[in-house]
Amino acid sequence: MGRLSGRSAVITGAASGIGRASAKLFAAEGARLIIADRAEAVAETAEAIKAAGGKAVAVVGDAGDDAFVKGLVERAKAEYGALDIFWANAGISGGFAPLHEQTADYWAEILRVNLIGAFLGVKYASEAMIPQGKGSIICTASVAGIRSGAGGPAYSASKAGVISLVQTACNELYGTGIRVNAVAPGLIETGMTKPIFDGARARGNEDKIGQLNPTTRYGQPEEIAAAALFLASDDASYVNGQTLAVDGGLSTSHPVVRRKK
């Protein structure tokens, strides 16, 4: 039997990258899925899962929208009778504009999707899980939220907020049987990081991507999916309020490449 057999899960940001890899892995491990993204390609993820014998319903919408996130939880309960796992994975980077070129609206949008979206997932998923006396909620943080050197100011602040959220939320949910944890990816090849990879390949120095971490390489979405599977499963039954960095060791030092003036 799979590690998630008989369980239902919601995964946001599932149209590509980490979300798509995780949806496929969770389904292969027996989970029945509601997968969401604002990109229509989330339907392709669902079709791939169903073609492999899994169960998945794709929903298009904004993971930072209150009504939409509430609706995902309601859809999981309607389709599968319960909600066992919620992974608030959707996020945006906002690019690398210098601090003094950023605006309040720019910050507000990044915080809305990355941090408020995670809060909404915790809020509505936990409401559904409390009567069951158990559940696993996972949020996508980032090594950029651990310390400086891995992302822009707004993105880093939003992910630091996610790390704090899982710590405070697990204590808010004291005694409920619900665990709240985060995964903090390092440099992973996804749609979000595509400009970094495209630029390096255009310059002919793809082999240098990821050289700042002691593993000396970048990561793949499947490696983050495996970490999330651990947190979703009973293997992590005593793991709560933690942020699991999956980054090749980058967060041990975060060496910084200074911006050229």
Protein backbone atom coordinates (compact mmCIF):
# COMPACT_ATOMS: atom_id res chain seq x y z
CA MET A 1 0.00 0.00 0.00
CA GLY A 2 1.08 3.59 -0.62
CA ARG A 3 2.09 5.90 2.18
CA LEU A 4 -0.98 8.09 1.55
CA SER A 5 -3.53 5.39 0.70
CA GLY A 6 -7.09 6.34 1.61
CA ARG A 7 -6.24 9.99 2.19
CA SER A 8 -7.32 13.13 0.39
CA ALA A 9 -5.10 16.10 -0.30
CA VAL A 10 -5.21 19.60 -1.72
CA ILE A 11 -2.11 20.93 -3.46
CA THR A 12 -1.93 24.48 -4.79
CA GLY A 13 0.51 25.65 -7.45
CA ALA A 14 0.20 22.28 -9.18
CA ALA A 15 0.37 23.32 -12.83
CA SER A 16 4.14 22.86 -13.04
CA GLY A 17 7.38 22.48 -11.15
CA ILE A 18 7.28 21.42 -7.52
CA GLY A 19 3.48 21.32 -7.38
CA ARG A 20 3.15 19.07 -10.42
CA ALA A 21 5.90 16.71 -9.26
CA SER A 22 4.32 16.51 -5.82
CA ALA A 23 0.83 15.89 -7.14
CA LYS A 24 2.13 12.99 -9.21
CA LEU A 25 4.05 11.54 -6.27
CA PHE A 26 1.18 11.93 -3.79
CA ALA A 27 -1.19 10.26 -6.24
CA ALA A 28 1.27 7.42 -6.84
CA GLU A 29 1.34 6.93 -3.06
CA GLY A 30 -2.45 6.57 -2.97
CA ALA A 31 -3.75 10.07 -2.27
CA ARG A 32 -6.91 11.39 -3.89
CA LEU A 33 -6.29 14.94 -4.99
CA ILE A 34 -7.76 18.35 -5.51
CA ILE A 35 -5.07 20.31 -7.36
CA ALA A 36 -5.18 24.01 -8.06
CA ASP A 37 -3.33 26.70 -9.95
CA ARG A 38 -4.16 29.93 -11.70
CA ALA A 39 -2.59 28.44 -14.85
CA GLU A 40 -4.81 26.30 -17.05
CA ALA A 41 -1.99 23.74 -17.27
CA VAL A 42 -3.12 22.35 -13.93
CA ALA A 43 -5.57 20.29 -16.00
CA GLU A 44 -2.61 18.60 -17.69
CA THR A 45 -1.30 17.56 -14.28
CA ALA A 46 -4.65 16.01 -13.44
CA GLU A 47 -4.81 14.18 -16.76
CA ALA A 48 -1.34 12.72 -16.25
CA ILE A 49 -2.35 11.49 -12.80
CA LYS A 50 -5.55 9.91 -14.09
CA ALA A 51 -3.69 8.29 -16.98
CA ALA A 52 -1.44 6.64 -14.39
CA GLY A 53 -4.45 5.31 -12.48
CA GLY A 54 -4.71 8.02 -9.84
CA LYS A 55 -7.49 10.37 -8.79
CA ALA A 56 -7.25 14.11 -9.27
CA VAL A 57 -9.60 17.03 -9.82
CA ALA A 58 -8.11 20.19 -11.27
CA VAL A 59 -9.39 23.64 -10.28
CA VAL A 60 -8.25 26.95 -11.75
CA GLY A 61 -8.06 29.95 -9.44
CA ASP A 62 -6.07 32.24 -7.19
CA ALA A 63 -4.47 30.60 -4.14
CA GLY A 64 -4.30 33.99 -2.43
CA ASP A 65 -8.07 34.49 -2.62
CA ASP A 66 -10.08 33.73 0.52
CA ALA A 67 -13.18 32.31 -1.19
CA PHE A 68 -11.14 30.21 -3.59
CA VAL A 69 -9.08 28.53 -0.87
CA LYS A 70 -12.18 27.88 1.22
CA GLY A 71 -13.77 26.35 -1.86
CA LEU A 72 -10.83 23.98 -2.36
CA VAL A 73 -11.33 22.56 1.12
CA GLU A 74 -15.08 22.24 0.53
CA ARG A 75 -14.43 20.53 -2.80
CA ALA A 76 -12.14 17.98 -1.15
CA LYS A 77 -14.79 17.18 1.44
CA ALA A 78 -17.48 16.91 -1.22
CA GLU A 79 -15.40 14.69 -3.53
CA TYR A 80 -13.70 12.48 -0.95
CA GLY A 81 -15.60 12.91 2.32
CA ALA A 82 -12.71 14.44 4.25
CA LEU A 83 -9.49 16.42 3.98
CA ASP A 84 -6.32 14.85 5.34
CA ILE A 85 -3.52 16.90 3.76
CA PHE A 86 -3.27 20.48 2.54
CA TRP A 87 -0.15 21.76 0.84
CA ALA A 88 -0.11 25.54 0.35
CA ASN A 89 2.53 25.46 -2.34
CA ALA A 90 1.55 28.28 -4.72
CA GLY A 91 3.88 31.25 -4.82
CA ILE A 92 5.40 34.02 -6.89
CA SER A 93 8.91 35.45 -6.85
CA GLY A 94 8.34 39.00 -7.99
CA GLY A 95 11.65 39.09 -9.82
CA PHE A 96 14.80 40.84 -8.67
CA ALA A 97 14.02 44.55 -8.89
CA PRO A 98 16.25 46.65 -6.60
CA LEU A 99 14.69 47.64 -3.29
CA HIS A 100 14.30 51.32 -4.17
CA GLU A 101 12.43 50.44 -7.35
CA GLN A 102 9.84 48.37 -5.50
CA THR A 103 6.42 49.72 -4.54
CA ALA A 104 3.94 49.03 -1.77
CA ASP A 105 1.61 47.42 -4.31
CA TYR A 106 4.42 45.12 -5.47
CA TRP A 107 5.05 44.02 -1.88
CA ALA A 108 1.35 43.60 -1.17
CA GLU A 109 0.86 41.21 -4.10
CA ILE A 110 3.81 39.02 -3.14
CA LEU A 111 2.68 38.88 0.48
CA ARG A 112 -0.90 38.18 -0.60
CA VAL A 113 -0.02 35.13 -2.64
CA ASN A 114 2.93 33.73 -0.69
CA LEU A 115 1.99 34.46 2.92
CA ILE A 116 -1.72 35.22 3.07
CA GLY A 117 -2.33 32.28 0.73
CA ALA A 118 -0.52 30.02 3.18
CA PHE A 119 -2.51 31.48 6.07
CA LEU A 120 -5.77 30.78 4.24
CA GLY A 121 -4.69 27.19 3.66
CA VAL A 122 -3.92 26.74 7.35
CA LYS A 123 -7.16 28.41 8.39
CA TYR A 124 -9.60 26.48 6.23
CA ALA A 125 -7.78 23.15 6.20
CA SER A 126 -7.51 23.08 9.97
CA GLU A 127 -11.21 23.84 10.33
CA ALA A 128 -11.94 20.73 8.28
CA MET A 129 -9.36 18.61 10.10
CA ILE A 130 -10.18 19.46 13.72
CA PRO A 131 -13.30 17.24 13.88
CA GLN A 132 -11.17 14.34 12.56
CA GLY A 133 -8.54 14.85 15.23
CA LYS A 134 -5.69 14.68 12.74
CA GLY A 135 -4.23 16.14 9.57
CA SER A 136 -1.07 17.44 7.96
CA ILE A 137 -0.71 20.98 6.64
CA ILE A 138 2.39 21.88 4.64
CA CYS A 139 3.47 25.32 3.47
CA THR A 140 6.14 26.14 0.93
CA ALA A 141 8.72 28.46 2.45
CA SER A 142 12.20 29.01 0.99
CA VAL A 143 15.80 29.21 2.07
CA ALA A 144 15.34 32.90 1.22
CA GLY A 145 13.15 33.12 4.32
CA ILE A 146 15.84 31.68 6.57
CA ARG A 147 18.47 34.36 5.98
CA SER A 148 19.59 36.91 3.41
CA GLY A 149 21.24 35.95 0.17
CA ALA A 150 18.76 33.74 -1.64
CA GLY A 151 16.02 36.03 -2.88
CA GLY A 152 14.70 39.55 -3.25
CA PRO A 153 13.48 41.57 -0.25
CA ALA A 154 9.73 41.08 -0.70
CA TYR A 155 9.97 37.41 -1.59
CA SER A 156 12.35 36.74 1.31
CA ALA A 157 10.10 38.57 3.75
CA SER A 158 7.06 36.61 2.58
CA LYS A 159 8.85 33.31 3.08
CA ALA A 160 10.18 34.33 6.49
CA GLY A 161 6.54 34.97 7.32
CA VAL A 162 5.63 31.46 6.20
CA ILE A 163 8.27 30.01 8.54
CA SER A 164 6.83 32.03 11.43
CA LEU A 165 3.30 31.04 10.42
CA VAL A 166 3.95 27.31 10.75
CA GLN A 167 5.51 27.86 14.17
CA THR A 168 2.63 29.92 15.49
CA ALA A 169 -0.07 27.88 13.77
CA CYS A 170 1.06 24.56 15.23
CA ASN A 171 0.75 26.10 18.69
CA GLU A 172 -2.64 27.62 17.87
CA LEU A 173 -3.67 24.06 16.97
CA TYR A 174 -2.30 22.60 20.23
CA GLY A 175 -3.90 19.27 21.06
CA THR A 176 -5.89 18.97 17.83
CA GLY A 177 -3.72 16.30 16.23
CA ILE A 178 -2.98 18.59 13.29
CA ARG A 179 0.64 19.10 12.27
CA VAL A 180 1.82 22.23 10.45
CA ASN A 181 5.23 22.22 8.78
CA ALA A 182 7.06 23.87 5.91
CA VAL A 183 9.46 22.85 3.17
CA ALA A 184 12.16 25.39 2.29
CA PRO A 185 13.50 24.67 -1.20
CA GLY A 186 16.86 25.91 -2.34
CA LEU A 187 17.58 26.55 -6.01
CA ILE A 188 15.21 24.25 -7.92
CA GLU A 189 14.61 24.27 -11.66
CA THR A 190 10.99 25.38 -12.01
CA GLY A 191 8.96 27.88 -13.96
CA MET A 192 9.68 30.48 -11.27
CA THR A 193 13.44 30.11 -11.60
CA LYS A 194 13.42 29.77 -15.40
CA PRO A 195 15.06 33.20 -16.00
CA ILE A 196 18.05 32.18 -13.87
CA PHE A 197 18.53 28.95 -15.78
CA ASP A 198 17.87 30.50 -19.18
CA GLY A 199 20.41 33.24 -18.49
CA ALA A 200 23.08 30.79 -17.35
CA ARG A 201 22.56 28.56 -20.36
CA ALA A 202 22.72 31.52 -22.71
CA ARG A 203 26.07 32.48 -21.18
CA GLY A 204 27.32 28.90 -21.42
CA ASN A 205 27.85 28.48 -17.69
CA GLU A 206 25.01 26.18 -16.72
CA ASP A 207 27.55 24.02 -14.89
CA LYS A 208 27.98 26.81 -12.34
CA ILE A 209 24.32 26.85 -11.29
CA GLY A 210 24.13 25.74 -7.68
CA GLN A 211 27.86 25.99 -7.06
CA LEU A 212 27.33 28.01 -3.88
CA ASN A 213 25.93 25.06 -1.93
CA PRO A 214 28.13 22.21 -0.67
CA THR A 215 26.33 19.68 -2.85
CA THR A 216 27.48 21.83 -5.82
CA ARG A 217 24.32 21.46 -7.88
CA TYR A 218 20.78 22.71 -8.20
CA GLY A 219 17.80 20.60 -7.22
CA GLN A 220 14.87 19.01 -9.02
CA PRO A 221 11.15 19.35 -8.21
CA GLU A 222 10.97 15.64 -7.39
CA GLU A 223 13.43 16.15 -4.52
CA ILE A 224 11.11 18.69 -2.91
CA ALA A 225 8.14 16.42 -3.55
CA ALA A 226 9.86 13.63 -1.62
CA ALA A 227 10.34 15.92 1.38
CA ALA A 228 6.70 16.98 1.28
CA LEU A 229 5.61 13.35 1.07
CA PHE A 230 7.53 12.68 4.27
CA LEU A 231 5.79 15.57 6.05
CA ALA A 232 2.38 14.48 4.76
CA SER A 233 2.83 10.88 5.84
CA ASP A 234 2.81 9.10 9.19
CA ASP A 235 6.60 8.91 8.96
CA ALA A 236 6.54 12.52 10.20
CA SER A 237 3.99 11.91 12.97
CA TYR A 238 6.24 13.61 15.55
CA VAL A 239 7.35 16.49 13.31
CA ASN A 240 5.44 19.70 13.98
CA GLY A 241 6.14 23.40 13.53
CA GLN A 242 9.33 22.74 11.59
CA THR A 243 10.83 24.05 8.38
CA LEU A 244 12.70 21.40 6.42
CA ALA A 245 15.36 22.95 4.18
CA VAL A 246 15.96 20.95 1.01
CA ASP A 247 18.74 23.00 -0.49
CA GLY A 248 21.95 21.03 -0.90
CA GLY A 249 23.24 22.70 2.27
CA LEU A 250 22.90 26.29 1.02
CA SER A 251 21.21 27.53 4.19
CA THR A 252 24.18 26.51 6.33
CA SER A 253 26.00 29.62 5.13
CA HIS A 254 24.13 31.48 2.34
CA PRO A 255 27.19 32.87 0.58
CA VAL A 256 26.17 36.02 -1.23
CA VAL A 257 27.01 37.11 -4.76
CA ARG A 258 26.84 40.89 -4.53
CA ARG A 259 24.75 42.85 -7.01
CA LYS A 260 26.94 44.78 -9.43
CA LYS A 261 26.51 48.54 -9.20
